[in-house]
Amino acid sequence: MSSNTAGFGRNENAGGLRFRNRGPEVDSETVLAALDDPDCRKLLEATTDEALTAQELVDRCDVPRSTTYRKVERLTEAGLLEEQVRLRTDGKHASEYRRAFEDVTISLSAGDGFEVGISQPEPVAGD
């Protein structure tokens, strides 16, 4: 497990909650909303050990195709999934999605409000 922790974006105030963020520009509210969505959590769970295409996600997660595409986009924008290209010998390449984090942490501090951070996996040889 990596000790590298990347946070999200900038200071924000949403509904009275302050988010103190570090690292790449990703909105904390977007991350928390995605994690609160049951379909998004199913997709994240399915992509824990392997990258899957949208069709494979539809089949494994029992989520409608149109919903799967919307949720994959939401998770990708939140920085929770990463998109890659699966090369096929027949030339019909497909996008596949892999979970882009090991852990998400939410910390509360008296002065700064909530802090959301992501523990990124160690790069795999060849990536």
C-alpha atoms as a PDB file:
ATOM      1  CA  MET A   1       0.000   0.000   0.000  1.00  0.00           C
ATOM      2  CA  SER A   2       1.302   3.432  -0.860  1.00  0.00           C
ATOM      3  CA  SER A   3       1.724   6.210   1.626  1.00  0.00           C
ATOM      4  CA  ASN A   4       1.229   8.677  -1.212  1.00  0.00           C
ATOM      5  CA  THR A   5      -1.930  10.617  -0.480  1.00  0.00           C
ATOM      6  CA  ALA A   6      -3.440  12.958  -3.030  1.00  0.00           C
ATOM      7  CA  GLY A   7      -6.210  15.238  -1.922  1.00  0.00           C
ATOM      8  CA  PHE A   8      -8.708  17.199  -3.889  1.00  0.00           C
ATOM      9  CA  GLY A   9      -8.700  20.692  -5.262  1.00  0.00           C
ATOM     10  CA  ARG A  10      -9.321  23.830  -3.280  1.00  0.00           C
ATOM     11  CA  ASN A  11     -11.128  25.208  -0.231  1.00  0.00           C
ATOM     12  CA  GLU A  12     -14.873  25.104  -0.652  1.00  0.00           C
ATOM     13  CA  ASN A  13     -17.928  25.745   1.445  1.00  0.00           C
ATOM     14  CA  ALA A  14     -20.858  23.472   0.669  1.00  0.00           C
ATOM     15  CA  GLY A  15     -23.954  23.485   2.826  1.00  0.00           C
ATOM     16  CA  GLY A  16     -22.013  24.818   5.805  1.00  0.00           C
ATOM     17  CA  LEU A  17     -19.236  22.201   5.505  1.00  0.00           C
ATOM     18  CA  ARG A  18     -15.733  23.422   4.721  1.00  0.00           C
ATOM     19  CA  PHE A  19     -13.523  21.162   2.705  1.00  0.00           C
ATOM     20  CA  ARG A  20      -9.759  21.655   2.884  1.00  0.00           C
ATOM     21  CA  ASN A  21      -8.275  19.990  -0.122  1.00  0.00           C
ATOM     22  CA  ARG A  22      -4.789  19.212  -1.383  1.00  0.00           C
ATOM     23  CA  GLY A  23      -3.464  18.058  -4.711  1.00  0.00           C
ATOM     24  CA  PRO A  24      -5.145  17.756  -8.114  1.00  0.00           C
ATOM     25  CA  GLU A  25      -8.205  19.854  -8.879  1.00  0.00           C
ATOM     26  CA  VAL A  26     -11.036  17.470  -8.086  1.00  0.00           C
ATOM     27  CA  ASP A  27     -14.139  18.705  -6.295  1.00  0.00           C
ATOM     28  CA  SER A  28     -14.675  17.156  -2.843  1.00  0.00           C
ATOM     29  CA  GLU A  29     -18.437  17.405  -3.210  1.00  0.00           C
ATOM     30  CA  THR A  30     -18.211  15.435  -6.468  1.00  0.00           C
ATOM     31  CA  VAL A  31     -16.175  12.705  -4.785  1.00  0.00           C
ATOM     32  CA  LEU A  32     -18.484  12.462  -1.773  1.00  0.00           C
ATOM     33  CA  ALA A  33     -21.619  12.458  -3.956  1.00  0.00           C
ATOM     34  CA  ALA A  34     -20.190   9.654  -6.097  1.00  0.00           C
ATOM     35  CA  LEU A  35     -19.322   7.601  -3.020  1.00  0.00           C
ATOM     36  CA  ASP A  36     -22.840   8.145  -1.667  1.00  0.00           C
ATOM     37  CA  ASP A  37     -24.376   6.645  -4.836  1.00  0.00           C
ATOM     38  CA  PRO A  38     -25.072   2.869  -4.534  1.00  0.00           C
ATOM     39  CA  ASP A  39     -24.573   2.254  -8.277  1.00  0.00           C
ATOM     40  CA  CYS A  40     -21.231   4.070  -8.203  1.00  0.00           C
ATOM     41  CA  ARG A  41     -20.123   1.945  -5.268  1.00  0.00           C
ATOM     42  CA  LYS A  42     -21.065  -1.233  -7.200  1.00  0.00           C
ATOM     43  CA  LEU A  43     -18.937  -0.083 -10.137  1.00  0.00           C
ATOM     44  CA  LEU A  44     -16.000   0.766  -7.865  1.00  0.00           C
ATOM     45  CA  GLU A  45     -16.216  -2.611  -6.171  1.00  0.00           C
ATOM     46  CA  ALA A  46     -16.266  -4.402  -9.537  1.00  0.00           C
ATOM     47  CA  THR A  47     -13.133  -2.580 -10.711  1.00  0.00           C
ATOM     48  CA  THR A  48     -11.091  -3.275  -7.578  1.00  0.00           C
ATOM     49  CA  ASP A  49      -9.023  -6.151  -9.002  1.00  0.00           C
ATOM     50  CA  GLU A  50      -9.287  -5.675 -12.752  1.00  0.00           C
ATOM     51  CA  ALA A  51     -10.119  -3.160 -15.449  1.00  0.00           C
ATOM     52  CA  LEU A  52     -13.536  -3.703 -17.033  1.00  0.00           C
ATOM     53  CA  THR A  53     -15.305  -2.355 -20.088  1.00  0.00           C
ATOM     54  CA  ALA A  54     -18.670  -0.633 -19.737  1.00  0.00           C
ATOM     55  CA  GLN A  55     -20.411  -3.778 -21.038  1.00  0.00           C
ATOM     56  CA  GLU A  56     -18.598  -5.952 -18.505  1.00  0.00           C
ATOM     57  CA  LEU A  57     -19.703  -3.527 -15.783  1.00  0.00           C
ATOM     58  CA  VAL A  58     -23.314  -3.737 -17.005  1.00  0.00           C
ATOM     59  CA  ASP A  59     -23.148  -7.538 -16.880  1.00  0.00           C
ATOM     60  CA  ARG A  60     -21.452  -7.825 -13.485  1.00  0.00           C
ATOM     61  CA  CYS A  61     -23.195  -5.018 -11.611  1.00  0.00           C
ATOM     62  CA  ASP A  62     -26.737  -5.426 -12.918  1.00  0.00           C
ATOM     63  CA  VAL A  63     -26.930  -1.698 -13.626  1.00  0.00           C
ATOM     64  CA  PRO A  64     -28.704  -0.513 -16.815  1.00  0.00           C
ATOM     65  CA  ARG A  65     -26.371   0.405 -19.689  1.00  0.00           C
ATOM     66  CA  SER A  66     -27.320   4.113 -19.805  1.00  0.00           C
ATOM     67  CA  THR A  67     -26.934   4.393 -16.028  1.00  0.00           C
ATOM     68  CA  THR A  68     -23.564   2.637 -16.168  1.00  0.00           C
ATOM     69  CA  TYR A  69     -22.228   5.118 -18.722  1.00  0.00           C
ATOM     70  CA  ARG A  70     -23.422   8.093 -16.622  1.00  0.00           C
ATOM     71  CA  LYS A  71     -21.953   6.651 -13.430  1.00  0.00           C
ATOM     72  CA  VAL A  72     -18.626   5.772 -15.094  1.00  0.00           C
ATOM     73  CA  GLU A  73     -18.387   9.361 -16.334  1.00  0.00           C
ATOM     74  CA  ARG A  74     -19.196  10.660 -12.840  1.00  0.00           C
ATOM     75  CA  LEU A  75     -16.551   8.411 -11.242  1.00  0.00           C
ATOM     76  CA  THR A  76     -13.947   9.337 -13.856  1.00  0.00           C
ATOM     77  CA  GLU A  77     -14.584  13.063 -13.352  1.00  0.00           C
ATOM     78  CA  ALA A  78     -14.261  12.543  -9.583  1.00  0.00           C
ATOM     79  CA  GLY A  79     -10.876  10.874 -10.081  1.00  0.00           C
ATOM     80  CA  LEU A  80     -12.104   7.564  -8.661  1.00  0.00           C
ATOM     81  CA  LEU A  81     -11.909   5.597 -11.932  1.00  0.00           C
ATOM     82  CA  GLU A  82      -9.300   5.860 -14.650  1.00  0.00           C
ATOM     83  CA  GLU A  83     -10.001   5.115 -18.282  1.00  0.00           C
ATOM     84  CA  GLN A  84      -7.638   3.012 -20.365  1.00  0.00           C
ATOM     85  CA  VAL A  85      -7.821   1.472 -23.825  1.00  0.00           C
ATOM     86  CA  ARG A  86      -8.093  -2.292 -24.194  1.00  0.00           C
ATOM     87  CA  LEU A  87      -6.384  -3.263 -27.429  1.00  0.00           C
ATOM     88  CA  ARG A  88      -7.986  -6.085 -29.364  1.00  0.00           C
ATOM     89  CA  THR A  89      -6.540  -8.095 -32.194  1.00  0.00           C
ATOM     90  CA  ASP A  90      -9.642  -7.482 -34.317  1.00  0.00           C
ATOM     91  CA  GLY A  91      -8.972  -3.727 -34.189  1.00  0.00           C
ATOM     92  CA  LYS A  92     -12.133  -2.951 -32.216  1.00  0.00           C
ATOM     93  CA  HIS A  93     -10.494  -1.336 -29.228  1.00  0.00           C
ATOM     94  CA  ALA A  94     -12.602  -0.582 -26.155  1.00  0.00           C
ATOM     95  CA  SER A  95     -12.377   1.731 -23.181  1.00  0.00           C
ATOM     96  CA  GLU A  96     -11.930  -0.037 -19.888  1.00  0.00           C
ATOM     97  CA  TYR A  97     -12.091   1.339 -16.397  1.00  0.00           C
ATOM     98  CA  ARG A  98      -9.976   0.632 -13.348  1.00  0.00           C
ATOM     99  CA  ARG A  99     -10.377   1.899  -9.800  1.00  0.00           C
ATOM    100  CA  ALA A 100      -7.862   4.726  -9.363  1.00  0.00           C
ATOM    101  CA  PHE A 101      -7.388   4.597  -5.595  1.00  0.00           C
ATOM    102  CA  GLU A 102      -6.741   2.307  -2.656  1.00  0.00           C
ATOM    103  CA  ASP A 103      -8.389   4.335   0.092  1.00  0.00           C
ATOM    104  CA  VAL A 104     -10.473   7.469   0.451  1.00  0.00           C
ATOM    105  CA  THR A 105     -10.147   9.209   3.782  1.00  0.00           C
ATOM    106  CA  ILE A 106     -12.352  11.875   5.273  1.00  0.00           C
ATOM    107  CA  SER A 107     -10.893  13.722   8.242  1.00  0.00           C
ATOM    108  CA  LEU A 108     -12.505  16.303  10.484  1.00  0.00           C
ATOM    109  CA  SER A 109     -10.538  19.087  12.098  1.00  0.00           C
ATOM    110  CA  ALA A 110     -11.913  21.890  14.240  1.00  0.00           C
ATOM    111  CA  GLY A 111     -10.376  24.709  12.220  1.00  0.00           C
ATOM    112  CA  ASP A 112     -10.472  23.421   8.668  1.00  0.00           C
ATOM    113  CA  GLY A 113     -13.666  21.374   8.407  1.00  0.00           C
ATOM    114  CA  PHE A 114     -13.534  18.210   6.321  1.00  0.00           C
ATOM    115  CA  GLU A 115     -10.485  17.046   4.427  1.00  0.00           C
ATOM    116  CA  VAL A 116     -10.864  14.411   1.729  1.00  0.00           C
ATOM    117  CA  GLY A 117      -7.824  12.492   0.526  1.00  0.00           C
ATOM    118  CA  ILE A 118      -7.070   9.563  -1.750  1.00  0.00           C
ATOM    119  CA  SER A 119      -4.402   6.941  -1.206  1.00  0.00           C
ATOM    120  CA  GLN A 120      -3.147   6.066  -4.676  1.00  0.00           C
ATOM    121  CA  PRO A 121      -1.971   2.535  -5.544  1.00  0.00           C
ATOM    122  CA  GLU A 122       1.652   1.871  -6.353  1.00  0.00           C
ATOM    123  CA  PRO A 123       2.217   1.823 -10.134  1.00  0.00           C
ATOM    124  CA  VAL A 124       2.292  -1.659 -11.620  1.00  0.00           C
ATOM    125  CA  ALA A 125       5.318  -2.543 -13.742  1.00  0.00           C
ATOM    126  CA  GLY A 126       4.517  -1.761 -17.347  1.00  0.00           C
ATOM    127  CA  ASP A 127       1.959   0.966 -16.558  1.00  0.00           C
END
